[in-house]
Structures are given as C-alpha cells and as structure tokens.
N, C-alpha and C. Protein backbone atom coordinates (compact mmCIF):
# COMPACT_ATOMS: atom_id res chain seq x y z
N UNK A 1 116.19 110.33 123.38
CA UNK A 1 116.55 109.34 122.39
C UNK A 1 116.54 110.02 121.02
N UNK A 2 117.50 109.71 120.21
CA UNK A 2 117.59 110.32 118.89
C UNK A 2 116.59 109.69 117.94
N UNK A 3 116.43 110.33 116.79
CA UNK A 3 115.50 109.82 115.78
C UNK A 3 115.93 108.44 115.29
N UNK A 4 117.23 108.27 115.10
CA UNK A 4 117.73 106.97 114.63
C UNK A 4 117.53 105.88 115.67
N UNK A 5 117.71 106.23 116.93
CA UNK A 5 117.48 105.26 118.00
C UNK A 5 116.03 104.85 118.11
N UNK A 6 115.13 105.84 117.93
CA UNK A 6 113.71 105.52 117.96
C UNK A 6 113.32 104.63 116.79
N UNK A 7 113.90 104.91 115.62
CA UNK A 7 113.62 104.09 114.45
C UNK A 7 114.11 102.66 114.65
N UNK A 8 115.30 102.52 115.19
CA UNK A 8 115.85 101.19 115.45
C UNK A 8 114.99 100.44 116.45
N UNK A 9 114.55 101.12 117.49
CA UNK A 9 113.69 100.47 118.48
C UNK A 9 112.36 100.05 117.86
N UNK A 10 111.82 100.87 116.97
CA UNK A 10 110.56 100.52 116.30
C UNK A 10 110.75 99.30 115.40
N UNK A 11 111.86 99.27 114.67
CA UNK A 11 112.13 98.12 113.79
C UNK A 11 112.34 96.84 114.60
N UNK A 12 113.09 96.93 115.68
CA UNK A 12 113.33 95.74 116.49
C UNK A 12 112.06 95.25 117.17
N UNK A 13 111.26 96.18 117.67
CA UNK A 13 109.98 95.80 118.27
C UNK A 13 109.05 95.18 117.25
N UNK A 14 109.01 95.76 116.05
CA UNK A 14 108.18 95.20 114.98
C UNK A 14 108.64 93.83 114.56
N UNK A 15 109.96 93.66 114.48
CA UNK A 15 110.50 92.34 114.11
C UNK A 15 110.15 91.30 115.17
N UNK A 16 110.29 91.66 116.43
CA UNK A 16 109.97 90.72 117.51
C UNK A 16 108.48 90.38 117.51
N UNK A 17 107.63 91.39 117.31
CA UNK A 17 106.19 91.14 117.28
C UNK A 17 105.81 90.27 116.09
N UNK A 18 106.39 90.55 114.92
CA UNK A 18 106.10 89.75 113.74
C UNK A 18 106.56 88.31 113.93
N UNK A 19 107.71 88.13 114.54
CA UNK A 19 108.22 86.78 114.79
C UNK A 19 107.31 86.02 115.75
N UNK A 20 106.89 86.67 116.82
CA UNK A 20 106.01 86.02 117.79
C UNK A 20 104.67 85.67 117.16
N UNK A 21 104.11 86.58 116.37
CA UNK A 21 102.82 86.31 115.72
C UNK A 21 102.92 85.18 114.71
N UNK A 22 104.02 85.13 113.97
CA UNK A 22 104.21 84.05 113.00
C UNK A 22 104.36 82.70 113.71
N UNK A 23 105.15 82.68 114.77
CA UNK A 23 105.32 81.43 115.52
C UNK A 23 104.01 81.00 116.17
N UNK A 24 103.20 81.96 116.62
CA UNK A 24 101.91 81.62 117.21
C UNK A 24 100.98 81.00 116.16
N UNK A 25 101.02 81.52 114.94
CA UNK A 25 100.19 80.94 113.88
C UNK A 25 100.65 79.52 113.54
N UNK A 26 101.96 79.32 113.45
CA UNK A 26 102.46 77.97 113.20
C UNK A 26 102.08 77.02 114.33
N UNK A 27 102.17 77.50 115.58
CA UNK A 27 101.82 76.65 116.73
C UNK A 27 100.33 76.33 116.73
N UNK A 28 99.50 77.27 116.31
CA UNK A 28 98.05 77.01 116.27
C UNK A 28 97.71 75.92 115.27
N UNK A 29 98.50 75.83 114.21
CA UNK A 29 98.25 74.79 113.21
C UNK A 29 98.90 73.47 113.64
N UNK A 30 100.09 73.56 114.19
CA UNK A 30 100.83 72.34 114.56
C UNK A 30 100.19 71.63 115.74
N UNK A 31 99.79 72.40 116.77
CA UNK A 31 99.18 71.83 117.96
C UNK A 31 97.81 72.47 118.16
N UNK A 32 96.81 72.05 117.39
CA UNK A 32 95.49 72.70 117.49
C UNK A 32 94.85 72.44 118.86
N UNK A 33 94.26 73.49 119.41
CA UNK A 33 93.59 73.36 120.70
C UNK A 33 92.08 73.26 120.53
N UNK A 34 91.61 73.45 119.29
CA UNK A 34 90.17 73.38 119.01
C UNK A 34 90.01 72.77 117.61
N UNK A 35 88.80 72.82 117.12
CA UNK A 35 88.52 72.27 115.80
C UNK A 35 89.05 73.16 114.69
N UNK A 36 88.67 72.82 113.47
CA UNK A 36 89.18 73.55 112.31
C UNK A 36 88.65 74.98 112.26
N UNK A 37 87.39 75.19 112.60
CA UNK A 37 86.80 76.52 112.56
C UNK A 37 87.46 77.50 113.52
N UNK A 38 87.56 77.15 114.80
CA UNK A 38 88.23 78.06 115.73
C UNK A 38 89.71 78.28 115.42
N UNK A 39 90.37 77.24 114.92
CA UNK A 39 91.78 77.40 114.55
C UNK A 39 91.91 78.39 113.39
N UNK A 40 91.02 78.30 112.43
CA UNK A 40 91.03 79.27 111.33
C UNK A 40 90.77 80.68 111.83
N UNK A 41 89.85 80.82 112.79
CA UNK A 41 89.56 82.14 113.37
C UNK A 41 90.79 82.69 114.11
N UNK A 42 91.50 81.83 114.81
CA UNK A 42 92.72 82.25 115.50
C UNK A 42 93.75 82.73 114.49
N UNK A 43 93.93 81.98 113.42
CA UNK A 43 94.92 82.35 112.40
C UNK A 43 94.53 83.66 111.72
N UNK A 44 93.25 83.84 111.43
CA UNK A 44 92.80 85.08 110.81
C UNK A 44 93.02 86.27 111.76
N UNK A 45 92.77 86.08 113.04
CA UNK A 45 93.02 87.14 114.01
C UNK A 45 94.50 87.49 114.10
N UNK A 46 95.33 86.46 114.12
CA UNK A 46 96.78 86.70 114.14
C UNK A 46 97.25 87.40 112.87
N UNK A 47 96.64 87.06 111.74
CA UNK A 47 97.00 87.71 110.48
C UNK A 47 96.62 89.19 110.50
N UNK A 48 95.48 89.51 111.08
CA UNK A 48 95.06 90.90 111.18
C UNK A 48 96.00 91.70 112.08
N UNK A 49 96.38 91.12 113.20
CA UNK A 49 97.34 91.79 114.09
C UNK A 49 98.69 91.93 113.39
N UNK A 50 99.10 90.92 112.64
CA UNK A 50 100.35 90.98 111.88
C UNK A 50 100.32 92.12 110.86
N UNK A 51 99.18 92.29 110.20
CA UNK A 51 99.03 93.38 109.23
C UNK A 51 99.19 94.74 109.91
N UNK A 52 98.57 94.89 111.07
CA UNK A 52 98.67 96.15 111.80
C UNK A 52 100.11 96.40 112.24
N UNK A 53 100.79 95.37 112.70
CA UNK A 53 102.20 95.51 113.10
C UNK A 53 103.05 95.91 111.90
N UNK A 54 102.83 95.28 110.77
CA UNK A 54 103.62 95.60 109.57
C UNK A 54 103.38 97.05 109.13
N UNK A 55 102.12 97.48 109.13
CA UNK A 55 101.81 98.84 108.72
C UNK A 55 102.38 99.86 109.70
N UNK A 56 102.32 99.57 110.97
CA UNK A 56 102.77 100.54 111.98
C UNK A 56 104.29 100.60 112.10
N UNK A 57 104.95 99.46 112.04
CA UNK A 57 106.39 99.43 112.34
C UNK A 57 107.26 99.56 111.10
N UNK A 58 106.83 99.09 109.95
CA UNK A 58 107.72 99.04 108.80
C UNK A 58 107.32 99.96 107.65
N UNK A 59 106.09 100.43 107.62
CA UNK A 59 105.65 101.35 106.58
C UNK A 59 105.38 102.71 107.20
N UNK A 60 105.65 103.77 106.47
CA UNK A 60 105.42 105.11 107.04
C UNK A 60 103.94 105.50 107.01
N UNK A 61 103.11 104.72 107.69
CA UNK A 61 101.68 104.97 107.70
C UNK A 61 101.27 105.44 109.08
N UNK A 62 100.67 106.61 109.15
CA UNK A 62 100.11 107.12 110.39
C UNK A 62 98.94 108.03 110.03
N UNK A 63 98.28 108.56 111.02
CA UNK A 63 97.13 109.41 110.77
C UNK A 63 97.47 110.89 110.92
N UNK A 64 98.74 111.23 110.98
CA UNK A 64 99.13 112.63 111.06
C UNK A 64 98.88 113.31 109.72
N UNK A 65 98.86 114.63 109.73
CA UNK A 65 98.53 115.39 108.53
C UNK A 65 99.52 115.12 107.39
N UNK A 66 100.81 115.03 107.69
CA UNK A 66 101.81 114.85 106.64
C UNK A 66 101.80 113.48 106.01
N UNK A 67 101.32 112.50 106.72
CA UNK A 67 101.35 111.12 106.23
C UNK A 67 99.98 110.64 105.75
N UNK A 68 99.03 111.52 105.65
CA UNK A 68 97.68 111.12 105.27
C UNK A 68 97.61 110.60 103.84
N UNK A 69 98.40 111.17 102.94
CA UNK A 69 98.41 110.71 101.55
C UNK A 69 98.89 109.26 101.47
N UNK A 70 99.91 108.93 102.24
CA UNK A 70 100.41 107.56 102.26
C UNK A 70 99.35 106.60 102.78
N UNK A 71 98.64 107.01 103.82
CA UNK A 71 97.57 106.17 104.36
C UNK A 71 96.47 105.96 103.33
N UNK A 72 96.07 107.01 102.64
CA UNK A 72 95.05 106.88 101.61
C UNK A 72 95.51 105.97 100.47
N UNK A 73 96.78 106.07 100.11
CA UNK A 73 97.32 105.21 99.06
C UNK A 73 97.28 103.74 99.47
N UNK A 74 97.64 103.45 100.71
CA UNK A 74 97.60 102.07 101.20
C UNK A 74 96.16 101.57 101.26
N UNK A 75 95.23 102.40 101.72
CA UNK A 75 93.83 101.99 101.79
C UNK A 75 93.24 101.76 100.40
N UNK A 76 93.56 102.61 99.44
CA UNK A 76 93.06 102.42 98.08
C UNK A 76 93.64 101.15 97.46
N UNK A 77 94.92 100.91 97.68
CA UNK A 77 95.54 99.68 97.16
C UNK A 77 94.89 98.45 97.78
N UNK A 78 94.59 98.51 99.07
CA UNK A 78 93.92 97.39 99.73
C UNK A 78 92.53 97.17 99.15
N UNK A 79 91.82 98.25 98.86
CA UNK A 79 90.49 98.13 98.25
C UNK A 79 90.56 97.47 96.88
N UNK A 80 91.53 97.88 96.06
CA UNK A 80 91.67 97.29 94.73
C UNK A 80 92.00 95.80 94.83
N UNK A 81 92.90 95.44 95.73
CA UNK A 81 93.27 94.03 95.89
C UNK A 81 92.07 93.23 96.39
N UNK A 82 91.31 93.78 97.35
CA UNK A 82 90.13 93.07 97.86
C UNK A 82 89.09 92.87 96.76
N UNK A 83 88.89 93.88 95.92
CA UNK A 83 87.94 93.73 94.80
C UNK A 83 88.41 92.67 93.80
N UNK A 84 89.70 92.63 93.53
CA UNK A 84 90.22 91.62 92.61
C UNK A 84 90.05 90.22 93.17
N UNK A 85 90.36 90.04 94.45
CA UNK A 85 90.21 88.72 95.08
C UNK A 85 88.75 88.31 95.11
N UNK A 86 87.87 89.23 95.51
CA UNK A 86 86.44 88.91 95.57
C UNK A 86 85.89 88.58 94.19
N UNK A 87 86.27 89.32 93.17
CA UNK A 87 85.82 89.03 91.81
C UNK A 87 86.31 87.68 91.32
N UNK A 88 87.54 87.37 91.63
CA UNK A 88 88.09 86.06 91.24
C UNK A 88 87.33 84.93 91.92
N UNK A 89 87.02 85.09 93.22
CA UNK A 89 86.28 84.05 93.93
C UNK A 89 84.87 83.89 93.37
N UNK A 90 84.23 84.99 93.01
CA UNK A 90 82.89 84.90 92.41
C UNK A 90 82.94 84.11 91.12
N UNK A 91 83.91 84.39 90.27
CA UNK A 91 84.03 83.68 89.00
C UNK A 91 84.33 82.20 89.23
N UNK A 92 85.23 81.90 90.15
CA UNK A 92 85.59 80.51 90.41
C UNK A 92 84.39 79.72 90.95
N UNK A 93 83.68 80.29 91.92
CA UNK A 93 82.53 79.58 92.47
C UNK A 93 81.40 79.44 91.45
N UNK A 94 81.24 80.44 90.59
CA UNK A 94 80.23 80.36 89.56
C UNK A 94 80.58 79.23 88.57
N UNK A 95 81.83 79.16 88.17
CA UNK A 95 82.25 78.08 87.28
C UNK A 95 82.12 76.71 87.93
N UNK A 96 82.43 76.65 89.22
CA UNK A 96 82.30 75.40 89.94
C UNK A 96 80.83 74.96 89.98
N UNK A 97 79.92 75.90 90.23
CA UNK A 97 78.49 75.57 90.27
C UNK A 97 78.00 75.12 88.90
N UNK A 98 78.51 75.71 87.85
CA UNK A 98 78.09 75.32 86.51
C UNK A 98 78.64 73.94 86.10
N UNK A 99 79.79 73.58 86.63
CA UNK A 99 80.40 72.30 86.28
C UNK A 99 79.77 71.14 87.05
N UNK A 100 79.19 71.40 88.18
CA UNK A 100 78.65 70.32 89.00
C UNK A 100 77.21 70.06 88.69
C-alpha cells in the first residue's frame, strides 16, 4: 500500500471512529441506561477515547524519535489549558462561596 493510501485509510478510520464515538455519547444522553453519575462517567470515557482517536488519526503525534517534539508540544499545550481551566474553576468556586 502506498503512503497516500495508508493516509487515506487512517483518515477514514479516524472519521468512522469519531462518528461512532460521537453518536454513542449522544445516545448515552438521549437514552440513559443509568443515573446521572454513571452517564457522566460514560460520556467522559467516550471523550477520552475520542481525544486519543483525534491525536492518533488526525494529528502527527507519535512516540517515534522524529515526532517527539510534536508530542511534547501537544502535552505542554494540554498542561497550560488544564492549568487555566483549573485556575478559573478555583476562582469561580471561591467567589461562589463568598457570595453565599
């Protein structure tokens, strides 16, 4: 198989996996099989798998020597975003506690 054929197969497989995971998340909300807590856990699990599919199929991220810089860049960006979200939540909850 040529490089272009492999790339096309990876994109199509990623698209199919992303579509199935998205539809599964919508179905978990539309037709819940458990309470709110387990449904949230299912959605979070599907989101994690969706993230892995997106990174593997659509971004040039791998653990090979040539692509290590890209992987480190994605991990650092994720760390910065997580710190921003966590800081925002701390401020919001602190303000909420002070207002109540």
